[in-house]
Amino acid sequence: MFLPLHDGVPLKHMKTPLATRFLMGLCIVAYFVTFHAPPGPDAMVAGLGFIPSVLFGTEVLPEGYPFVPVELTLATNIFLHGSLFHLIGNMLFLWVFGDNVEDAMGHLRFVAFFLLCGTAASLAHAYITPEPHRPLIGASGGVSGVVAAYLILYPRVKIWGLFLKGIPLHLPAYWTIGFWFALQFASAFLGGDDSVGWFAHLGGFLVGAILIPLMRRRYDPVLARVQAQELQAPR
């Protein structure tokens, strides 16, 4: 329904968004390991995916699973994706929005921010899903937090994106991200595809909005300039 393509906001504090590229690289490597190397997709999902019923102790996996302590699967599931389209969609969002959010908080804080949003998204899914036995995988929760942070930092920046059936539009972030958020909200509460963790998306978005004022740089000249332009813009 919506894929971001480009925003054009320059980086001011860094030359290269190293953390964004690092996280994207982990997701891409994990995808190819999942589908093109042993032990295979099912084992990878059981070993590193997040299964709420296993966390809550109502179900037990076979010996050797998960590959890490069950609490860590709240985060390890973020780097797994179930299809190439799933991976490409999340990486596009992270590519377009991640660099500027990273620029506003720094490399290490951005990684921490992404992991906190993704972990919170996993917990939101765990407490709301009607099917706690189904694994949750994907970076969507962490990406949703990044999208929320971008919206707060740069609400009026215009973004090129593909809408609905591939219609290219150039719209302000508050319209673009507002449209995306409305889809997530409607799908969560009005019955979207039940294979998607819609409440994980909403949970990640909410935590991202809460954390960005606390984790961004004390003074961000890009944000200050955008805010000044907003104040000067004709109403």
Protein backbone atom coordinates (compact mmCIF):
# COMPACT_ATOMS: atom_id res chain seq x y z
CA MET A 1 0.00 0.00 0.00
CA PHE A 2 2.96 2.35 0.55
CA LEU A 3 6.69 2.09 -0.10
CA PRO A 4 9.02 5.06 0.58
CA LEU A 5 11.63 5.82 -2.07
CA HIS A 6 13.49 9.04 -1.23
CA ASP A 7 13.39 12.04 1.10
CA GLY A 8 16.47 14.13 0.30
CA VAL A 9 17.21 15.29 3.87
CA PRO A 10 21.00 15.81 4.14
CA LEU A 11 23.10 14.33 6.92
CA LYS A 12 24.72 16.93 9.17
CA HIS A 13 26.48 15.06 11.97
CA MET A 14 27.99 12.14 10.04
CA LYS A 15 29.18 11.23 6.56
CA THR A 16 27.81 7.70 6.52
CA PRO A 17 24.89 6.12 8.43
CA LEU A 18 27.01 3.22 9.61
CA ALA A 19 24.48 1.85 12.11
CA THR A 20 21.64 1.86 9.57
CA ARG A 21 23.79 0.00 7.06
CA PHE A 22 24.98 -2.41 9.75
CA LEU A 23 21.41 -3.29 10.75
CA MET A 24 20.39 -3.67 7.11
CA GLY A 25 23.40 -5.90 6.53
CA LEU A 26 22.46 -8.15 9.46
CA CYS A 27 18.92 -8.54 8.09
CA ILE A 28 20.16 -9.33 4.57
CA VAL A 29 22.75 -11.85 5.78
CA ALA A 30 20.17 -13.47 8.08
CA TYR A 31 17.75 -13.79 5.15
CA PHE A 32 20.28 -15.59 2.96
CA VAL A 33 21.37 -17.85 5.82
CA THR A 34 17.73 -18.66 6.57
CA PHE A 35 16.87 -19.73 3.03
CA HIS A 36 20.19 -20.82 1.54
CA ALA A 37 22.14 -22.51 4.34
CA PRO A 38 21.53 -25.17 6.96
CA PRO A 39 19.68 -25.75 9.20
CA GLY A 40 16.91 -24.30 6.98
CA PRO A 41 14.00 -21.85 7.36
CA ASP A 42 11.89 -23.81 9.85
CA ALA A 43 14.81 -24.41 12.17
CA MET A 44 15.94 -20.78 11.96
CA VAL A 45 12.47 -19.51 12.83
CA ALA A 46 12.20 -21.96 15.74
CA GLY A 47 15.71 -21.13 16.89
CA LEU A 48 15.70 -17.33 16.63
CA GLY A 49 12.07 -16.33 16.08
CA PHE A 50 9.86 -15.14 18.92
CA ILE A 51 7.07 -17.47 20.07
CA PRO A 52 4.98 -15.88 22.85
CA SER A 53 3.75 -19.18 24.27
CA VAL A 54 7.36 -20.33 24.74
CA LEU A 55 8.24 -17.11 26.55
CA PHE A 56 5.21 -17.51 28.82
CA GLY A 57 6.00 -21.18 29.47
CA THR A 58 2.77 -22.63 28.08
CA GLU A 59 4.64 -24.49 25.34
CA VAL A 60 8.08 -26.06 25.13
CA LEU A 61 10.17 -26.45 21.99
CA PRO A 62 12.24 -29.59 21.26
CA GLU A 63 15.66 -29.86 22.86
CA GLY A 64 18.15 -27.46 21.31
CA TYR A 65 15.55 -24.77 20.58
CA PRO A 66 15.60 -21.85 20.72
CA PHE A 67 19.25 -21.24 19.89
CA VAL A 68 19.47 -18.45 22.48
CA PRO A 69 17.75 -17.83 25.84
CA VAL A 70 14.07 -17.36 25.12
CA GLU A 71 14.14 -13.77 26.39
CA LEU A 72 16.67 -12.87 23.68
CA THR A 73 14.30 -14.01 20.96
CA LEU A 74 12.39 -10.79 21.67
CA ALA A 75 15.27 -9.16 19.77
CA THR A 76 16.75 -11.88 17.53
CA ASN A 77 13.45 -12.28 15.67
CA ILE A 78 13.88 -8.73 14.35
CA PHE A 79 16.57 -9.86 11.90
CA LEU A 80 14.61 -12.73 10.32
CA HIS A 81 12.23 -12.31 7.37
CA GLY A 82 9.82 -14.75 5.85
CA SER A 83 10.08 -13.70 2.20
CA LEU A 84 12.12 -11.52 -0.13
CA PHE A 85 9.25 -9.01 -0.37
CA HIS A 86 9.07 -8.86 3.45
CA LEU A 87 12.81 -8.12 3.57
CA ILE A 88 12.79 -5.54 0.75
CA GLY A 89 9.84 -3.64 2.23
CA ASN A 90 11.46 -3.30 5.65
CA MET A 91 14.86 -2.42 4.19
CA LEU A 92 13.34 0.33 2.04
CA PHE A 93 11.76 1.92 5.12
CA LEU A 94 15.03 1.61 7.04
CA TRP A 95 17.08 3.01 4.11
CA VAL A 96 14.86 6.08 3.62
CA PHE A 97 14.12 6.95 7.25
CA GLY A 98 16.95 5.35 9.24
CA ASP A 99 19.86 7.54 8.15
CA ASN A 100 18.27 10.80 9.32
CA VAL A 101 17.10 9.33 12.62
CA GLU A 102 20.60 7.93 13.16
CA ASP A 103 22.02 11.36 12.31
CA ALA A 104 19.82 12.89 15.00
CA MET A 105 21.05 10.57 17.78
CA GLY A 106 24.38 8.98 16.80
CA HIS A 107 25.41 5.45 15.80
CA LEU A 108 25.28 3.60 19.10
CA ARG A 109 22.12 5.24 20.38
CA PHE A 110 20.44 4.47 17.08
CA VAL A 111 21.24 0.75 17.39
CA ALA A 112 19.93 0.80 20.98
CA PHE A 113 16.84 2.71 19.84
CA PHE A 114 16.12 0.22 17.06
CA LEU A 115 16.51 -2.78 19.37
CA LEU A 116 14.36 -1.22 22.09
CA CYS A 117 11.57 -0.46 19.60
CA GLY A 118 11.79 -3.96 18.12
CA THR A 119 11.77 -5.63 21.54
CA ALA A 120 8.82 -3.53 22.70
CA ALA A 121 7.01 -4.44 19.48
CA SER A 122 7.56 -8.13 20.22
CA LEU A 123 6.13 -7.71 23.72
CA ALA A 124 3.10 -5.80 22.42
CA HIS A 125 2.44 -8.64 20.01
CA ALA A 126 2.92 -11.25 22.75
CA TYR A 127 0.30 -9.77 25.06
CA ILE A 128 -2.31 -9.10 22.37
CA THR A 129 -2.03 -11.87 19.76
CA PRO A 130 -4.81 -14.48 19.86
CA GLU A 131 -2.36 -17.07 18.48
CA PRO A 132 0.63 -17.09 20.86
CA HIS A 133 1.96 -20.32 19.37
CA ARG A 134 2.76 -18.66 16.03
CA PRO A 135 6.32 -17.32 15.60
CA LEU A 136 6.89 -13.61 15.10
CA ILE A 137 9.74 -12.54 12.81
CA GLY A 138 10.72 -9.36 11.00
CA ALA A 139 12.18 -5.90 11.51
CA SER A 140 8.81 -4.16 11.19
CA GLY A 141 8.55 -3.29 14.89
CA GLY A 142 11.97 -1.65 14.97
CA VAL A 143 11.30 0.04 11.63
CA SER A 144 7.98 1.37 12.97
CA GLY A 145 9.87 3.04 15.81
CA VAL A 146 12.21 4.65 13.28
CA VAL A 147 9.22 5.88 11.26
CA ALA A 148 7.69 7.47 14.37
CA ALA A 149 10.99 9.18 15.20
CA TYR A 150 11.29 10.52 11.65
CA LEU A 151 7.75 11.90 11.76
CA ILE A 152 8.53 13.82 14.97
CA LEU A 153 11.87 15.10 13.67
CA TYR A 154 10.86 16.03 10.12
CA PRO A 155 7.07 16.27 9.83
CA ARG A 156 7.03 18.59 6.80
CA VAL A 157 9.83 17.07 4.74
CA LYS A 158 8.45 15.81 1.43
CA ILE A 159 8.90 12.13 0.64
CA TRP A 160 8.70 10.35 -2.68
CA GLY A 161 6.80 7.10 -2.35
CA LEU A 162 4.68 4.55 -4.16
CA PHE A 163 1.07 4.50 -2.97
CA LEU A 164 -1.72 1.98 -3.45
CA LYS A 165 -0.99 0.20 -6.75
CA GLY A 166 2.32 1.91 -7.42
CA ILE A 167 1.23 5.54 -7.81
CA PRO A 168 4.30 7.82 -7.33
CA LEU A 169 3.55 10.83 -5.11
CA HIS A 170 5.65 13.53 -3.42
CA LEU A 171 3.98 14.36 -0.11
CA PRO A 172 4.94 15.77 3.32
CA ALA A 173 5.95 13.21 5.93
CA TYR A 174 2.89 13.87 8.06
CA TRP A 175 0.65 12.81 5.14
CA THR A 176 2.85 9.94 4.00
CA ILE A 177 3.47 8.45 7.43
CA GLY A 178 -0.06 9.32 8.54
CA PHE A 179 -1.41 7.23 5.65
CA TRP A 180 0.91 4.36 6.60
CA PHE A 181 -0.05 4.56 10.28
CA ALA A 182 -3.77 4.61 9.44
CA LEU A 183 -3.30 1.37 7.50
CA GLN A 184 -1.54 -0.27 10.44
CA PHE A 185 -4.20 0.90 12.90
CA ALA A 186 -7.10 -0.18 10.69
CA SER A 187 -5.52 -3.56 9.99
CA ALA A 188 -4.88 -4.17 13.70
CA PHE A 189 -8.39 -3.31 14.88
CA LEU A 190 -10.54 -4.08 11.83
CA GLY A 191 -9.10 -7.44 10.85
CA GLY A 192 -6.12 -7.25 8.50
CA ASP A 193 -4.06 -10.20 7.29
CA ASP A 194 -3.74 -12.40 10.38
CA SER A 195 -0.24 -13.52 9.35
CA VAL A 196 1.06 -9.98 10.03
CA GLY A 197 1.90 -8.73 13.54
CA TRP A 198 -0.05 -5.47 13.30
CA PHE A 199 0.11 -4.78 17.03
CA ALA A 200 3.88 -5.20 16.88
CA HIS A 201 3.91 -2.36 14.33
CA LEU A 202 1.79 -0.17 16.58
CA GLY A 203 3.85 -1.03 19.66
CA GLY A 204 7.12 -0.18 17.93
CA PHE A 205 5.67 3.09 16.64
CA LEU A 206 4.47 4.15 20.10
CA VAL A 207 7.79 3.36 21.77
CA GLY A 208 9.70 5.16 19.01
CA ALA A 209 7.61 8.28 19.56
CA ILE A 210 8.30 8.10 23.31
CA LEU A 211 12.04 7.49 22.99
CA ILE A 212 13.06 9.97 20.29
CA PRO A 213 12.80 13.10 22.50
CA LEU A 214 14.95 11.33 25.11
CA MET A 215 17.57 9.86 22.76
CA ARG A 216 18.14 12.50 20.09
CA ARG A 217 21.00 14.98 20.34
CA ARG A 218 20.43 17.90 22.69
CA TYR A 219 20.68 20.32 19.80
CA ASP A 220 20.01 19.12 16.27
CA PRO A 221 20.69 21.84 13.67
CA VAL A 222 18.73 19.99 10.98
CA LEU A 223 15.70 19.80 13.25
CA ALA A 224 16.18 23.44 14.29
CA ARG A 225 16.29 24.59 10.66
CA VAL A 226 13.20 22.59 9.69
CA GLN A 227 11.31 23.95 12.70
CA ALA A 228 12.34 27.51 11.79
CA GLN A 229 11.10 26.99 8.23
CA GLU A 230 7.79 25.68 9.56
CA LEU A 231 7.35 28.77 11.72
CA GLN A 232 8.12 31.06 8.76
CA ALA A 233 5.94 29.20 6.28
CA PRO A 234 2.69 30.95 5.26
CA ARG A 235 -0.43 29.48 6.84
